PDB file of N, CA and C in Angstrom:
ATOM      1  N   MET A   1       0.825  -1.176   0.000  1.00  0.00           N
ATOM      2  CA  MET A   1       0.000   0.000   0.000  1.00  0.00           C
ATOM      3  C   MET A   1       0.882   1.258   0.000  1.00  0.00           C
ATOM      4  N   SER A   2       1.939   1.210   0.776  1.00  0.00           N
ATOM      5  CA  SER A   2       2.869   2.332   0.816  1.00  0.00           C
ATOM      6  C   SER A   2       3.481   2.573  -0.560  1.00  0.00           C
ATOM      7  N   PHE A   3       3.871   1.492  -1.241  1.00  0.00           N
ATOM      8  CA  PHE A   3       4.445   1.602  -2.588  1.00  0.00           C
ATOM      9  C   PHE A   3       3.435   2.213  -3.550  1.00  0.00           C
ATOM     10  N   LEU A   4       2.185   1.785  -3.463  1.00  0.00           N
ATOM     11  CA  LEU A   4       1.136   2.299  -4.343  1.00  0.00           C
ATOM     12  C   LEU A   4       1.019   3.814  -4.236  1.00  0.00           C
ATOM     13  N   PHE A   5       0.942   4.318  -3.017  1.00  0.00           N
ATOM     14  CA  PHE A   5       0.795   5.760  -2.833  1.00  0.00           C
ATOM     15  C   PHE A   5       2.057   6.514  -3.239  1.00  0.00           C
ATOM     16  N   GLU A   6       3.228   6.043  -2.819  1.00  0.00           N
ATOM     17  CA  GLU A   6       4.463   6.782  -3.064  1.00  0.00           C
ATOM     18  C   GLU A   6       4.914   6.728  -4.519  1.00  0.00           C
ATOM     19  N   GLU A   7       4.795   5.576  -5.164  1.00  0.00           N
ATOM     20  CA  GLU A   7       5.356   5.399  -6.501  1.00  0.00           C
ATOM     21  C   GLU A   7       4.333   5.522  -7.631  1.00  0.00           C
ATOM     22  N   VAL A   8       3.096   5.124  -7.402  1.00  0.00           N
ATOM     23  CA  VAL A   8       2.099   5.116  -8.473  1.00  0.00           C
ATOM     24  C   VAL A   8       1.221   6.367  -8.429  1.00  0.00           C
ATOM     25  N   ILE A   9       0.633   6.617  -7.289  1.00  0.00           N
ATOM     26  CA  ILE A   9      -0.278   7.755  -7.155  1.00  0.00           C
ATOM     27  C   ILE A   9       0.494   9.059  -6.941  1.00  0.00           C
ATOM     28  N   LYS A  10       1.718   8.966  -6.466  1.00  0.00           N
ATOM     29  CA  LYS A  10       2.599  10.123  -6.223  1.00  0.00           C
ATOM     30  C   LYS A  10       2.016  11.085  -5.191  1.00  0.00           C
ATOM     31  N   LYS A  11       1.382  10.517  -4.171  1.00  0.00           N
ATOM     32  CA  LYS A  11       0.861  11.316  -3.065  1.00  0.00           C
ATOM     33  C   LYS A  11       1.342  10.681  -1.764  1.00  0.00           C
ATOM     34  N   PRO A  12       1.554  11.502  -0.754  1.00  0.00           N
ATOM     35  CA  PRO A  12       1.970  10.921   0.529  1.00  0.00           C
ATOM     36  C   PRO A  12       0.823  10.142   1.170  1.00  0.00           C
ATOM     37  N   LEU A  13       1.164   9.097   1.855  1.00  0.00           N
ATOM     38  CA  LEU A  13       0.178   8.287   2.563  1.00  0.00           C
ATOM     39  C   LEU A  13      -0.271   9.068   3.790  1.00  0.00           C
ATOM     40  N   SER A  14      -1.563   9.317   3.915  1.00  0.00           N
ATOM     41  CA  SER A  14      -2.060  10.166   4.998  1.00  0.00           C
ATOM     42  C   SER A  14      -1.964   9.480   6.367  1.00  0.00           C
ATOM     43  N   LEU A  15      -1.953   8.179   6.389  1.00  0.00           N
ATOM     44  CA  LEU A  15      -1.825   7.447   7.651  1.00  0.00           C
ATOM     45  C   LEU A  15      -0.356   7.161   7.929  1.00  0.00           C
ATOM     46  N   SER A  16       0.042   7.283   9.161  1.00  0.00           N
ATOM     47  CA  SER A  16       1.413   6.885   9.484  1.00  0.00           C
ATOM     48  C   SER A  16       1.338   5.475  10.068  1.00  0.00           C
ATOM     49  N   LEU A  17       1.519   4.484   9.212  1.00  0.00           N
ATOM     50  CA  LEU A  17       1.379   3.087   9.621  1.00  0.00           C
ATOM     51  C   LEU A  17       2.683   2.486  10.123  1.00  0.00           C
ATOM     52  N   GLY A  18       3.779   3.205   9.996  1.00  0.00           N
ATOM     53  CA  GLY A  18       5.059   2.724  10.517  1.00  0.00           C
ATOM     54  C   GLY A  18       5.575   1.499   9.787  1.00  0.00           C
ATOM     55  N   PHE A  19       5.611   1.551   8.460  1.00  0.00           N
ATOM     56  CA  PHE A  19       6.100   0.423   7.679  1.00  0.00           C
ATOM     57  C   PHE A  19       7.586   0.208   7.915  1.00  0.00           C
ATOM     58  N   ILE A  20       7.991  -1.033   7.981  1.00  0.00           N
ATOM     59  CA  ILE A  20       9.399  -1.397   8.117  1.00  0.00           C
ATOM     60  C   ILE A  20       9.794  -2.146   6.859  1.00  0.00           C
ATOM     61  N   LYS A  21      10.880  -1.708   6.224  1.00  0.00           N
ATOM     62  CA  LYS A  21      11.328  -2.378   5.006  1.00  0.00           C
ATOM     63  C   LYS A  21      11.939  -3.729   5.348  1.00  0.00           C
ATOM     64  N   GLY A  22      11.672  -4.706   4.495  1.00  0.00           N
ATOM     65  CA  GLY A  22      12.217  -6.047   4.690  1.00  0.00           C
ATOM     66  C   GLY A  22      13.705  -6.100   4.391  1.00  0.00           C
ATOM     67  N   LYS A  23      14.374  -7.081   4.988  1.00  0.00           N
ATOM     68  CA  LYS A  23      15.804  -7.262   4.757  1.00  0.00           C
ATOM     69  C   LYS A  23      16.012  -8.093   3.502  1.00  0.00           C
ATOM     70  N   ARG A  24      17.091  -7.802   2.798  1.00  0.00           N
ATOM     71  CA  ARG A  24      17.413  -8.576   1.602  1.00  0.00           C
ATOM     72  C   ARG A  24      17.972  -9.936   2.001  1.00  0.00           C
ATOM     73  N   ALA A  25      17.652 -10.936   1.218  1.00  0.00           N
ATOM     74  CA  ALA A  25      18.158 -12.284   1.474  1.00  0.00           C
ATOM     75  C   ALA A  25      19.651 -12.347   1.175  1.00  0.00           C
ATOM     76  N   THR A  26      20.366 -13.092   1.988  1.00  0.00           N
ATOM     77  CA  THR A  26      21.809 -13.228   1.787  1.00  0.00           C
ATOM     78  C   THR A  26      22.174 -14.604   1.247  1.00  0.00           C
ATOM     79  N   LYS A  27      21.190 -15.341   0.761  1.00  0.00           N
ATOM     80  CA  LYS A  27      21.448 -16.687   0.241  1.00  0.00           C
ATOM     81  C   LYS A  27      22.108 -16.613  -1.129  1.00  0.00           C
ATOM     82  N   LEU A  28      23.037 -17.503  -1.359  1.00  0.00           N
ATOM     83  CA  LEU A  28      23.669 -17.613  -2.663  1.00  0.00           C
ATOM     84  C   LEU A  28      22.885 -18.597  -3.524  1.00  0.00           C
ATOM     85  N   PRO A  29      22.860 -18.411  -4.838  1.00  0.00           N
ATOM     86  CA  PRO A  29      22.153 -19.361  -5.700  1.00  0.00           C
ATOM     87  C   PRO A  29      22.859 -20.714  -5.720  1.00  0.00           C
ATOM     88  N   VAL A  30      22.084 -21.760  -5.917  1.00  0.00           N
ATOM     89  CA  VAL A  30      22.638 -23.111  -5.983  1.00  0.00           C
ATOM     90  C   VAL A  30      23.154 -23.352  -7.394  1.00  0.00           C
ATOM     91  N   VAL A  31      24.395 -23.780  -7.502  1.00  0.00           N
ATOM     92  CA  VAL A  31      25.009 -24.061  -8.794  1.00  0.00           C
ATOM     93  C   VAL A  31      25.471 -25.512  -8.787  1.00  0.00           C
ATOM     94  N   LEU A  32      25.077 -26.257  -9.814  1.00  0.00           N
ATOM     95  CA  LEU A  32      25.461 -27.662  -9.911  1.00  0.00           C
ATOM     96  C   LEU A  32      26.725 -27.808 -10.749  1.00  0.00           C
ATOM     97  N   THR A  33      27.525 -28.817 -10.412  1.00  0.00           N
ATOM     98  CA  THR A  33      28.704 -29.116 -11.219  1.00  0.00           C
ATOM     99  C   THR A  33      28.260 -29.847 -12.482  1.00  0.00           C
ATOM    100  N   GLN A  34      29.164 -29.966 -13.454  1.00  0.00           N
ATOM    101  CA  GLN A  34      28.830 -30.678 -14.693  1.00  0.00           C
ATOM    102  C   GLN A  34      28.481 -32.131 -14.397  1.00  0.00           C
ATOM    103  N   GLN A  35      29.199 -32.756 -13.483  1.00  0.00           N
ATOM    104  CA  GLN A  35      28.928 -34.155 -13.143  1.00  0.00           C
ATOM    105  C   GLN A  35      27.548 -34.302 -12.506  1.00  0.00           C
ATOM    106  N   GLU A  36      27.162 -33.360 -11.659  1.00  0.00           N
ATOM    107  CA  GLU A  36      25.842 -33.407 -11.037  1.00  0.00           C
ATOM    108  C   GLU A  36      24.736 -33.214 -12.076  1.00  0.00           C
ATOM    109  N   ILE A  37      24.957 -32.367 -13.060  1.00  0.00           N
ATOM    110  CA  ILE A  37      23.966 -32.154 -14.122  1.00  0.00           C
ATOM    111  C   ILE A  37      23.813 -33.406 -14.970  1.00  0.00           C
ATOM    112  N   ILE A  38      24.927 -34.062 -15.304  1.00  0.00           N
ATOM    113  CA  ILE A  38      24.864 -35.313 -16.072  1.00  0.00           C
ATOM    114  C   ILE A  38      24.106 -36.370 -15.284  1.00  0.00           C
ATOM    115  N   PHE A  39      24.388 -36.485 -13.988  1.00  0.00           N
ATOM    116  CA  PHE A  39      23.688 -37.449 -13.139  1.00  0.00           C
ATOM    117  C   PHE A  39      22.192 -37.146 -13.116  1.00  0.00           C
ATOM    118  N   LEU A  40      21.835 -35.867 -13.003  1.00  0.00           N
ATOM    119  CA  LEU A  40      20.430 -35.472 -12.970  1.00  0.00           C
ATOM    120  C   LEU A  40      19.733 -35.787 -14.287  1.00  0.00           C
ATOM    121  N   LYS A  41      20.388 -35.493 -15.410  1.00  0.00           N
ATOM    122  CA  LYS A  41      19.799 -35.792 -16.721  1.00  0.00           C
ATOM    123  C   LYS A  41      19.593 -37.288 -16.903  1.00  0.00           C
ATOM    124  N   CYS A  42      20.560 -38.089 -16.461  1.00  0.00           N
ATOM    125  CA  CYS A  42      20.422 -39.542 -16.584  1.00  0.00           C
ATOM    126  C   CYS A  42      19.283 -40.058 -15.707  1.00  0.00           C
ATOM    127  N   ALA A  43      19.121 -39.484 -14.537  1.00  0.00           N
ATOM    128  CA  ALA A  43      18.031 -39.895 -13.654  1.00  0.00           C
ATOM    129  C   ALA A  43      16.681 -39.500 -14.241  1.00  0.00           C
ATOM    130  N   LEU A  44      16.611 -38.336 -14.866  1.00  0.00           N
ATOM    131  CA  LEU A  44      15.349 -37.875 -15.450  1.00  0.00           C
ATOM    132  C   LEU A  44      15.012 -38.585 -16.757  1.00  0.00           C
ATOM    133  N   ARG A  45      16.012 -39.105 -17.419  1.00  0.00           N
ATOM    134  CA  ARG A  45      15.781 -39.764 -18.709  1.00  0.00           C
ATOM    135  C   ARG A  45      14.788 -40.920 -18.576  1.00  0.00           C
ATOM    136  N   SER A  46      14.868 -41.658 -17.489  1.00  0.00           N
ATOM    137  CA  SER A  46      13.960 -42.792 -17.311  1.00  0.00           C
ATOM    138  C   SER A  46      12.550 -42.339 -16.948  1.00  0.00           C
ATOM    139  N   ILE A  47      12.412 -41.118 -16.462  1.00  0.00           N
ATOM    140  CA  ILE A  47      11.098 -40.618 -16.053  1.00  0.00           C
ATOM    141  C   ILE A  47      10.434 -39.829 -17.176  1.00  0.00           C
ATOM    142  N   ILE A  48      11.193 -38.974 -17.829  1.00  0.00           N
ATOM    143  CA  ILE A  48      10.634 -38.069 -18.829  1.00  0.00           C
ATOM    144  C   ILE A  48      11.156 -38.459 -20.207  1.00  0.00           C
ATOM    145  N   TYR A  49      10.613 -39.481 -20.797  1.00  0.00           N
ATOM    146  CA  TYR A  49      11.082 -39.973 -22.085  1.00  0.00           C
ATOM    147  C   TYR A  49      10.828 -39.000 -23.232  1.00  0.00           C
ATOM    148  N   PRO A  50       9.687 -38.282 -23.304  1.00  0.00           N
ATOM    149  CA  PRO A  50       9.462 -37.367 -24.436  1.00  0.00           C
ATOM    150  C   PRO A  50      10.504 -36.257 -24.550  1.00  0.00           C
ATOM    151  N   LEU A  51      11.152 -35.895 -23.471  1.00  0.00           N
ATOM    152  CA  LEU A  51      12.165 -34.845 -23.511  1.00  0.00           C
ATOM    153  C   LEU A  51      13.550 -35.406 -23.805  1.00  0.00           C
ATOM    154  N   ASP A  52      13.628 -36.652 -24.213  1.00  0.00           N
ATOM    155  CA  ASP A  52      14.904 -37.314 -24.473  1.00  0.00           C
ATOM    156  C   ASP A  52      15.703 -36.592 -25.556  1.00  0.00           C
ATOM    157  N   TYR A  53      15.024 -35.895 -26.435  1.00  0.00           N
ATOM    158  CA  TYR A  53      15.682 -35.150 -27.510  1.00  0.00           C
ATOM    159  C   TYR A  53      16.637 -34.091 -26.950  1.00  0.00           C
ATOM    160  N   PHE A  54      16.244 -33.475 -25.839  1.00  0.00           N
ATOM    161  CA  PHE A  54      17.043 -32.404 -25.244  1.00  0.00           C
ATOM    162  C   PHE A  54      18.147 -32.935 -24.333  1.00  0.00           C
ATOM    163  N   MET A  55      18.137 -34.201 -24.028  1.00  0.00           N
ATOM    164  CA  MET A  55      19.103 -34.770 -23.093  1.00  0.00           C
ATOM    165  C   MET A  55      20.143 -35.577 -23.848  1.00  0.00           C
ATOM    166  N   ALA A  56      21.004 -34.896 -24.552  1.00  0.00           N
ATOM    167  CA  ALA A  56      22.027 -35.554 -25.362  1.00  0.00           C
ATOM    168  C   ALA A  56      23.224 -35.933 -24.500  1.00  0.00           C
ATOM    169  N   VAL A  57      22.999 -36.789 -23.528  1.00  0.00           N
ATOM    170  CA  VAL A  57      24.052 -37.257 -22.631  1.00  0.00           C
ATOM    171  C   VAL A  57      24.033 -38.772 -22.660  1.00  0.00           C
ATOM    172  N   VAL A  58      25.203 -39.375 -22.783  1.00  0.00           N
ATOM    173  CA  VAL A  58      25.294 -40.834 -22.781  1.00  0.00           C
ATOM    174  C   VAL A  58      25.304 -41.309 -21.339  1.00  0.00           C
ATOM    175  N   CYS A  59      24.315 -42.117 -20.979  1.00  0.00           N
ATOM    176  CA  CYS A  59      24.210 -42.645 -19.618  1.00  0.00           C
ATOM    177  C   CYS A  59      24.610 -44.111 -19.620  1.00  0.00           C
ATOM    178  N   ASP A  60      25.308 -44.497 -18.599  1.00  0.00           N
ATOM    179  CA  ASP A  60      25.717 -45.910 -18.469  1.00  0.00           C
ATOM    180  C   ASP A  60      24.649 -46.726 -17.798  1.00  0.00           C
TER     181      ASP A  60
END
């Protein structure tokens, strides 16, 4: 609601609701190694056969 008034309507919010801004997350994105991606593709190959065209990985 605060964003709506301040950024869209361009008027000050008449109520002082005492909004507190949220903290940004400090989590890093998960990145898989090439070996983990190959393992994942091989595991999915048996489940998702129609997408086999996109999984050009030789599985043992």
